[in-house]
Amino acid sequence: MEKKVLTQEEVTQLTELRNNYQTLVASIGNTEMQIMTFQLKKEQFKLQLQQLQEKEINLAKELESKYGSGTISLETNEFLPNT
């Protein structure tokens, strides 16, 4: 069987294709890693939000047991009871 040699242009095209595939695969991998990092951060933020909500509920219960039902003005630091 006769050995056939590719032209330089064909070799260049094939090399470019391979390099483009490798670059794309690396970019996809990096993007997936970023997505995973964002998902982890999102879960951490959800936990922080849940903790804040629990603190808010507990503080509201404490203040209601101390002052009764009503509203609080942070501007004047006053408790306004419900009538």
PDB file of N, CA and C in Angstrom:
ATOM      1  N   MET A   1       0.847  -1.172   0.000  1.00  0.00           N
ATOM      2  CA  MET A   1       0.000   0.000   0.000  1.00  0.00           C
ATOM      3  C   MET A   1       0.890   1.231   0.000  1.00  0.00           C
ATOM      4  N   GLU A   2       0.484   2.167  -0.785  1.00  0.00           N
ATOM      5  CA  GLU A   2       1.282   3.391  -0.952  1.00  0.00           C
ATOM      6  C   GLU A   2       1.032   4.346   0.209  1.00  0.00           C
ATOM      7  N   LYS A   3       2.088   4.875   0.738  1.00  0.00           N
ATOM      8  CA  LYS A   3       2.014   5.839   1.831  1.00  0.00           C
ATOM      9  C   LYS A   3       1.643   7.196   1.257  1.00  0.00           C
ATOM     10  N   LYS A   4       0.602   7.835   1.854  1.00  0.00           N
ATOM     11  CA  LYS A   4       0.172   9.153   1.378  1.00  0.00           C
ATOM     12  C   LYS A   4       0.444  10.173   2.479  1.00  0.00           C
ATOM     13  N   VAL A   5       0.878  11.319   2.093  1.00  0.00           N
ATOM     14  CA  VAL A   5       1.242  12.370   3.044  1.00  0.00           C
ATOM     15  C   VAL A   5       0.248  13.517   2.906  1.00  0.00           C
ATOM     16  N   LEU A   6      -0.192  13.997   4.050  1.00  0.00           N
ATOM     17  CA  LEU A   6      -1.107  15.143   4.064  1.00  0.00           C
ATOM     18  C   LEU A   6      -0.362  16.414   3.689  1.00  0.00           C
ATOM     19  N   THR A   7      -1.102  17.345   3.148  1.00  0.00           N
ATOM     20  CA  THR A   7      -0.495  18.641   2.848  1.00  0.00           C
ATOM     21  C   THR A   7      -0.333  19.417   4.146  1.00  0.00           C
ATOM     22  N   GLN A   8       0.521  20.412   4.108  1.00  0.00           N
ATOM     23  CA  GLN A   8       0.735  21.253   5.300  1.00  0.00           C
ATOM     24  C   GLN A   8      -0.560  21.950   5.705  1.00  0.00           C
ATOM     25  N   GLU A   9      -1.342  22.371   4.731  1.00  0.00           N
ATOM     26  CA  GLU A   9      -2.617  23.035   5.015  1.00  0.00           C
ATOM     27  C   GLU A   9      -3.574  22.078   5.730  1.00  0.00           C
ATOM     28  N   GLU A  10      -3.614  20.830   5.295  1.00  0.00           N
ATOM     29  CA  GLU A  10      -4.488  19.844   5.939  1.00  0.00           C
ATOM     30  C   GLU A  10      -4.028  19.558   7.366  1.00  0.00           C
ATOM     31  N   VAL A  11      -2.731  19.446   7.554  1.00  0.00           N
ATOM     32  CA  VAL A  11      -2.183  19.233   8.902  1.00  0.00           C
ATOM     33  C   VAL A  11      -2.521  20.423   9.791  1.00  0.00           C
ATOM     34  N   THR A  12      -2.381  21.619   9.252  1.00  0.00           N
ATOM     35  CA  THR A  12      -2.696  22.835  10.010  1.00  0.00           C
ATOM     36  C   THR A  12      -4.174  22.850  10.389  1.00  0.00           C
ATOM     37  N   GLN A  13      -5.046  22.512   9.468  1.00  0.00           N
ATOM     38  CA  GLN A  13      -6.485  22.485   9.747  1.00  0.00           C
ATOM     39  C   GLN A  13      -6.821  21.454  10.822  1.00  0.00           C
ATOM     40  N   LEU A  14      -6.251  20.272  10.710  1.00  0.00           N
ATOM     41  CA  LEU A  14      -6.500  19.233  11.711  1.00  0.00           C
ATOM     42  C   LEU A  14      -5.969  19.640  13.085  1.00  0.00           C
ATOM     43  N   THR A  15      -4.792  20.240  13.100  1.00  0.00           N
ATOM     44  CA  THR A  15      -4.204  20.701  14.360  1.00  0.00           C
ATOM     45  C   THR A  15      -5.070  21.786  14.993  1.00  0.00           C
ATOM     46  N   GLU A  16      -5.556  22.713  14.183  1.00  0.00           N
ATOM     47  CA  GLU A  16      -6.444  23.765  14.691  1.00  0.00           C
ATOM     48  C   GLU A  16      -7.720  23.167  15.262  1.00  0.00           C
ATOM     49  N   LEU A  17      -8.302  22.208  14.559  1.00  0.00           N
ATOM     50  CA  LEU A  17      -9.518  21.553  15.061  1.00  0.00           C
ATOM     51  C   LEU A  17      -9.263  20.895  16.410  1.00  0.00           C
ATOM     52  N   ARG A  18      -8.165  20.134  16.493  1.00  0.00           N
ATOM     53  CA  ARG A  18      -7.844  19.457  17.756  1.00  0.00           C
ATOM     54  C   ARG A  18      -7.642  20.475  18.877  1.00  0.00           C
ATOM     55  N   ASN A  19      -6.907  21.545  18.577  1.00  0.00           N
ATOM     56  CA  ASN A  19      -6.671  22.578  19.589  1.00  0.00           C
ATOM     57  C   ASN A  19      -7.968  23.250  20.012  1.00  0.00           C
ATOM     58  N   ASN A  20      -8.851  23.514  19.043  1.00  0.00           N
ATOM     59  CA  ASN A  20     -10.139  24.130  19.362  1.00  0.00           C
ATOM     60  C   ASN A  20     -10.985  23.209  20.234  1.00  0.00           C
ATOM     61  N   TYR A  21     -10.983  21.910  19.943  1.00  0.00           N
ATOM     62  CA  TYR A  21     -11.705  20.949  20.779  1.00  0.00           C
ATOM     63  C   TYR A  21     -11.146  20.936  22.198  1.00  0.00           C
ATOM     64  N   GLN A  22      -9.830  20.908  22.317  1.00  0.00           N
ATOM     65  CA  GLN A  22      -9.210  20.887  23.641  1.00  0.00           C
ATOM     66  C   GLN A  22      -9.540  22.147  24.431  1.00  0.00           C
ATOM     67  N   THR A  23      -9.508  23.290  23.756  1.00  0.00           N
ATOM     68  CA  THR A  23      -9.841  24.553  24.412  1.00  0.00           C
ATOM     69  C   THR A  23     -11.305  24.550  24.859  1.00  0.00           C
ATOM     70  N   LEU A  24     -12.177  24.060  24.000  1.00  0.00           N
ATOM     71  CA  LEU A  24     -13.603  24.017  24.324  1.00  0.00           C
ATOM     72  C   LEU A  24     -13.870  23.078  25.496  1.00  0.00           C
ATOM     73  N   VAL A  25     -13.256  21.911  25.471  1.00  0.00           N
ATOM     74  CA  VAL A  25     -13.439  20.959  26.563  1.00  0.00           C
ATOM     75  C   VAL A  25     -12.939  21.553  27.884  1.00  0.00           C
ATOM     76  N   ALA A  26     -11.811  22.224  27.857  1.00  0.00           N
ATOM     77  CA  ALA A  26     -11.286  22.870  29.066  1.00  0.00           C
ATOM     78  C   ALA A  26     -12.236  23.960  29.541  1.00  0.00           C
ATOM     79  N   SER A  27     -12.794  24.725  28.608  1.00  0.00           N
ATOM     80  CA  SER A  27     -13.737  25.787  28.974  1.00  0.00           C
ATOM     81  C   SER A  27     -15.000  25.208  29.585  1.00  0.00           C
ATOM     82  N   ILE A  28     -15.475  24.103  29.019  1.00  0.00           N
ATOM     83  CA  ILE A  28     -16.662  23.442  29.577  1.00  0.00           C
ATOM     84  C   ILE A  28     -16.371  22.961  30.994  1.00  0.00           C
ATOM     85  N   GLY A  29     -15.207  22.377  31.183  1.00  0.00           N
ATOM     86  CA  GLY A  29     -14.826  21.920  32.523  1.00  0.00           C
ATOM     87  C   GLY A  29     -14.757  23.071  33.512  1.00  0.00           C
ATOM     88  N   ASN A  30     -14.153  24.177  33.111  1.00  0.00           N
ATOM     89  CA  ASN A  30     -14.071  25.354  33.983  1.00  0.00           C
ATOM     90  C   ASN A  30     -15.452  25.896  34.297  1.00  0.00           C
ATOM     91  N   THR A  31     -16.314  25.913  33.292  1.00  0.00           N
ATOM     92  CA  THR A  31     -17.680  26.411  33.507  1.00  0.00           C
ATOM     93  C   THR A  31     -18.426  25.507  34.480  1.00  0.00           C
ATOM     94  N   GLU A  32     -18.273  24.208  34.335  1.00  0.00           N
ATOM     95  CA  GLU A  32     -18.925  23.278  35.263  1.00  0.00           C
ATOM     96  C   GLU A  32     -18.413  23.477  36.689  1.00  0.00           C
ATOM     97  N   MET A  33     -17.124  23.716  36.834  1.00  0.00           N
ATOM     98  CA  MET A  33     -16.570  23.979  38.165  1.00  0.00           C
ATOM     99  C   MET A  33     -17.159  25.257  38.753  1.00  0.00           C
ATOM    100  N   GLN A  34     -17.304  26.287  37.927  1.00  0.00           N
ATOM    101  CA  GLN A  34     -17.899  27.534  38.399  1.00  0.00           C
ATOM    102  C   GLN A  34     -19.353  27.311  38.804  1.00  0.00           C
ATOM    103  N   ILE A  35     -20.073  26.529  38.032  1.00  0.00           N
ATOM    104  CA  ILE A  35     -21.465  26.224  38.365  1.00  0.00           C
ATOM    105  C   ILE A  35     -21.533  25.511  39.710  1.00  0.00           C
ATOM    106  N   MET A  36     -20.661  24.541  39.918  1.00  0.00           N
ATOM    107  CA  MET A  36     -20.649  23.827  41.193  1.00  0.00           C
ATOM    108  C   MET A  36     -20.334  24.768  42.348  1.00  0.00           C
ATOM    109  N   THR A  37     -19.383  25.676  42.136  1.00  0.00           N
ATOM    110  CA  THR A  37     -19.028  26.642  43.174  1.00  0.00           C
ATOM    111  C   THR A  37     -20.216  27.550  43.482  1.00  0.00           C
ATOM    112  N   PHE A  38     -20.899  28.020  42.439  1.00  0.00           N
ATOM    113  CA  PHE A  38     -22.071  28.870  42.649  1.00  0.00           C
ATOM    114  C   PHE A  38     -23.183  28.115  43.372  1.00  0.00           C
ATOM    115  N   GLN A  39     -23.360  26.850  43.035  1.00  0.00           N
ATOM    116  CA  GLN A  39     -24.392  26.057  43.699  1.00  0.00           C
ATOM    117  C   GLN A  39     -24.071  25.887  45.175  1.00  0.00           C
ATOM    118  N   LEU A  40     -22.798  25.653  45.496  1.00  0.00           N
ATOM    119  CA  LEU A  40     -22.400  25.540  46.899  1.00  0.00           C
ATOM    120  C   LEU A  40     -22.632  26.852  47.636  1.00  0.00           C
ATOM    121  N   LYS A  41     -22.261  27.967  46.999  1.00  0.00           N
ATOM    122  CA  LYS A  41     -22.484  29.271  47.618  1.00  0.00           C
ATOM    123  C   LYS A  41     -23.973  29.522  47.819  1.00  0.00           C
ATOM    124  N   LYS A  42     -24.778  29.141  46.841  1.00  0.00           N
ATOM    125  CA  LYS A  42     -26.224  29.317  46.938  1.00  0.00           C
ATOM    126  C   LYS A  42     -26.769  28.547  48.141  1.00  0.00           C
ATOM    127  N   GLU A  43     -26.306  27.327  48.330  1.00  0.00           N
ATOM    128  CA  GLU A  43     -26.745  26.531  49.480  1.00  0.00           C
ATOM    129  C   GLU A  43     -26.303  27.175  50.792  1.00  0.00           C
ATOM    130  N   GLN A  44     -25.085  27.727  50.816  1.00  0.00           N
ATOM    131  CA  GLN A  44     -24.608  28.416  52.017  1.00  0.00           C
ATOM    132  C   GLN A  44     -25.471  29.642  52.305  1.00  0.00           C
ATOM    133  N   PHE A  45     -25.838  30.386  51.257  1.00  0.00           N
ATOM    134  CA  PHE A  45     -26.694  31.556  51.435  1.00  0.00           C
ATOM    135  C   PHE A  45     -28.073  31.153  51.943  1.00  0.00           C
ATOM    136  N   LYS A  46     -28.581  30.038  51.442  1.00  0.00           N
ATOM    137  CA  LYS A  46     -29.880  29.547  51.912  1.00  0.00           C
ATOM    138  C   LYS A  46     -29.823  29.229  53.401  1.00  0.00           C
ATOM    139  N   LEU A  47     -28.721  28.591  53.827  1.00  0.00           N
ATOM    140  CA  LEU A  47     -28.566  28.276  55.252  1.00  0.00           C
ATOM    141  C   LEU A  47     -28.469  29.546  56.089  1.00  0.00           C
ATOM    142  N   GLN A  48     -27.725  30.528  55.594  1.00  0.00           N
ATOM    143  CA  GLN A  48     -27.607  31.797  56.314  1.00  0.00           C
ATOM    144  C   GLN A  48     -28.964  32.479  56.416  1.00  0.00           C
ATOM    145  N   LEU A  49     -29.737  32.443  55.343  1.00  0.00           N
ATOM    146  CA  LEU A  49     -31.071  33.041  55.354  1.00  0.00           C
ATOM    147  C   LEU A  49     -31.959  32.329  56.359  1.00  0.00           C
ATOM    148  N   GLN A  50     -31.893  31.010  56.373  1.00  0.00           N
ATOM    149  CA  GLN A  50     -32.690  30.239  57.321  1.00  0.00           C
ATOM    150  C   GLN A  50     -32.308  30.579  58.762  1.00  0.00           C
ATOM    151  N   GLN A  51     -31.004  30.721  59.034  1.00  0.00           N
ATOM    152  CA  GLN A  51     -30.548  31.082  60.381  1.00  0.00           C
ATOM    153  C   GLN A  51     -31.045  32.465  60.770  1.00  0.00           C
ATOM    154  N   LEU A  52     -30.998  33.415  59.826  1.00  0.00           N
ATOM    155  CA  LEU A  52     -31.493  34.765  60.116  1.00  0.00           C
ATOM    156  C   LEU A  52     -32.986  34.752  60.404  1.00  0.00           C
ATOM    157  N   GLN A  53     -33.726  33.973  59.630  1.00  0.00           N
ATOM    158  CA  GLN A  53     -35.166  33.886  59.847  1.00  0.00           C
ATOM    159  C   GLN A  53     -35.480  33.282  61.213  1.00  0.00           C
ATOM    160  N   GLU A  54     -34.705  32.279  61.613  1.00  0.00           N
ATOM    161  CA  GLU A  54     -34.903  31.673  62.937  1.00  0.00           C
ATOM    162  C   GLU A  54     -34.601  32.684  64.041  1.00  0.00           C
ATOM    163  N   LYS A  55     -33.521  33.461  63.871  1.00  0.00           N
ATOM    164  CA  LYS A  55     -33.199  34.503  64.859  1.00  0.00           C
ATOM    165  C   LYS A  55     -34.314  35.533  64.936  1.00  0.00           C
ATOM    166  N   GLU A  56     -34.852  35.915  63.769  1.00  0.00           N
ATOM    167  CA  GLU A  56     -35.939  36.892  63.733  1.00  0.00           C
ATOM    168  C   GLU A  56     -37.168  36.361  64.466  1.00  0.00           C
ATOM    169  N   ILE A  57     -37.502  35.114  64.228  1.00  0.00           N
ATOM    170  CA  ILE A  57     -38.668  34.501  64.886  1.00  0.00           C
ATOM    171  C   ILE A  57     -38.451  34.448  66.394  1.00  0.00           C
ATOM    172  N   ASN A  58     -37.259  34.029  66.808  1.00  0.00           N
ATOM    173  CA  ASN A  58     -36.975  33.944  68.245  1.00  0.00           C
ATOM    174  C   ASN A  58     -37.009  35.314  68.908  1.00  0.00           C
ATOM    175  N   LEU A  59     -36.431  36.317  68.254  1.00  0.00           N
ATOM    176  CA  LEU A  59     -36.453  37.659  68.816  1.00  0.00           C
ATOM    177  C   LEU A  59     -37.880  38.195  68.884  1.00  0.00           C
ATOM    178  N   ALA A  60     -38.652  37.939  67.849  1.00  0.00           N
ATOM    179  CA  ALA A  60     -40.044  38.391  67.848  1.00  0.00           C
ATOM    180  C   ALA A  60     -40.819  37.751  69.007  1.00  0.00           C
ATOM    181  N   LYS A  61     -40.577  36.471  69.254  1.00  0.00           N
ATOM    182  CA  LYS A  61     -41.247  35.790  70.371  1.00  0.00           C
ATOM    183  C   LYS A  61     -40.827  36.392  71.706  1.00  0.00           C
ATOM    184  N   GLU A  62     -39.519  36.657  71.870  1.00  0.00           N
ATOM    185  CA  GLU A  62     -39.018  37.257  73.110  1.00  0.00           C
ATOM    186  C   GLU A  62     -39.640  38.627  73.347  1.00  0.00           C
ATOM    187  N   LEU A  63     -39.643  39.447  72.300  1.00  0.00           N
ATOM    188  CA  LEU A  63     -40.190  40.799  72.454  1.00  0.00           C
ATOM    189  C   LEU A  63     -41.693  40.767  72.694  1.00  0.00           C
ATOM    190  N   GLU A  64     -42.383  39.854  72.054  1.00  0.00           N
ATOM    191  CA  GLU A  64     -43.833  39.762  72.257  1.00  0.00           C
ATOM    192  C   GLU A  64     -44.156  39.283  73.670  1.00  0.00           C
ATOM    193  N   SER A  65     -43.346  38.374  74.202  1.00  0.00           N
ATOM    194  CA  SER A  65     -43.604  37.920  75.573  1.00  0.00           C
ATOM    195  C   SER A  65     -43.284  39.032  76.574  1.00  0.00           C
ATOM    196  N   LYS A  66     -42.332  39.892  76.236  1.00  0.00           N
ATOM    197  CA  LYS A  66     -41.960  40.985  77.139  1.00  0.00           C
ATOM    198  C   LYS A  66     -42.921  42.174  77.022  1.00  0.00           C
ATOM    199  N   TYR A  67     -43.272  42.556  75.776  1.00  0.00           N
ATOM    200  CA  TYR A  67     -44.048  43.776  75.562  1.00  0.00           C
ATOM    201  C   TYR A  67     -45.487  43.523  75.135  1.00  0.00           C
ATOM    202  N   GLY A  68     -45.801  42.304  74.722  1.00  0.00           N
ATOM    203  CA  GLY A  68     -47.132  42.019  74.200  1.00  0.00           C
ATOM    204  C   GLY A  68     -47.136  42.193  72.683  1.00  0.00           C
ATOM    205  N   SER A  69     -48.327  42.097  72.122  1.00  0.00           N
ATOM    206  CA  SER A  69     -48.482  42.209  70.676  1.00  0.00           C
ATOM    207  C   SER A  69     -48.458  43.675  70.259  1.00  0.00           C
ATOM    208  N   GLY A  70     -47.718  43.967  69.188  1.00  0.00           N
ATOM    209  CA  GLY A  70     -47.645  45.345  68.719  1.00  0.00           C
ATOM    210  C   GLY A  70     -46.570  45.496  67.670  1.00  0.00           C
ATOM    211  N   THR A  71     -46.188  46.752  67.451  1.00  0.00           N
ATOM    212  CA  THR A  71     -45.140  47.035  66.477  1.00  0.00           C
ATOM    213  C   THR A  71     -44.034  47.847  67.146  1.00  0.00           C
ATOM    214  N   ILE A  72     -42.855  47.786  66.549  1.00  0.00           N
ATOM    215  CA  ILE A  72     -41.699  48.491  67.081  1.00  0.00           C
ATOM    216  C   ILE A  72     -41.210  49.470  66.027  1.00  0.00           C
ATOM    217  N   SER A  73     -40.944  50.705  66.467  1.00  0.00           N
ATOM    218  CA  SER A  73     -40.365  51.709  65.581  1.00  0.00           C
ATOM    219  C   SER A  73     -38.879  51.796  65.888  1.00  0.00           C
ATOM    220  N   LEU A  74     -38.048  51.421  64.925  1.00  0.00           N
ATOM    221  CA  LEU A  74     -36.604  51.526  65.129  1.00  0.00           C
ATOM    222  C   LEU A  74     -36.128  52.968  65.058  1.00  0.00           C
ATOM    223  N   GLU A  75     -36.918  53.833  64.424  1.00  0.00           N
ATOM    224  CA  GLU A  75     -36.553  55.250  64.353  1.00  0.00           C
ATOM    225  C   GLU A  75     -36.669  55.918  65.722  1.00  0.00           C
ATOM    226  N   THR A  76     -37.715  55.560  66.480  1.00  0.00           N
ATOM    227  CA  THR A  76     -37.940  56.202  67.792  1.00  0.00           C
ATOM    228  C   THR A  76     -37.667  55.263  68.957  1.00  0.00           C
ATOM    229  N   ASN A  77     -37.337  54.011  68.672  1.00  0.00           N
ATOM    230  CA  ASN A  77     -37.110  52.991  69.698  1.00  0.00           C
ATOM    231  C   ASN A  77     -38.326  52.767  70.585  1.00  0.00           C
ATOM    232  N   GLU A  78     -39.502  52.959  70.029  1.00  0.00           N
ATOM    233  CA  GLU A  78     -40.729  52.819  70.797  1.00  0.00           C
ATOM    234  C   GLU A  78     -41.479  51.551  70.406  1.00  0.00           C
ATOM    235  N   PHE A  79     -42.174  50.995  71.402  1.00  0.00           N
ATOM    236  CA  PHE A  79     -43.066  49.891  71.171  1.00  0.00           C
ATOM    237  C   PHE A  79     -44.482  50.451  71.147  1.00  0.00           C
ATOM    238  N   LEU A  80     -45.208  50.126  70.096  1.00  0.00           N
ATOM    239  CA  LEU A  80     -46.590  50.589  69.963  1.00  0.00           C
ATOM    240  C   LEU A  80     -47.513  49.391  70.054  1.00  0.00           C
ATOM    241  N   PRO A  81     -48.226  49.259  71.192  1.00  0.00           N
ATOM    242  CA  PRO A  81     -49.080  48.094  71.373  1.00  0.00           C
ATOM    243  C   PRO A  81     -50.274  48.121  70.429  1.00  0.00           C
ATOM    244  N   ASN A  82     -50.716  46.918  70.050  1.00  0.00           N
ATOM    245  CA  ASN A  82     -51.953  46.792  69.265  1.00  0.00           C
ATOM    246  C   ASN A  82     -53.124  47.078  70.175  1.00  0.00           C
ATOM    247  N   THR A  83     -54.095  47.786  69.635  1.00  0.00           N
ATOM    248  CA  THR A  83     -55.294  48.097  70.456  1.00  0.00           C
ATOM    249  C   THR A  83     -56.490  47.363  69.958  1.00  0.00           C
TER     250      THR A  83
END
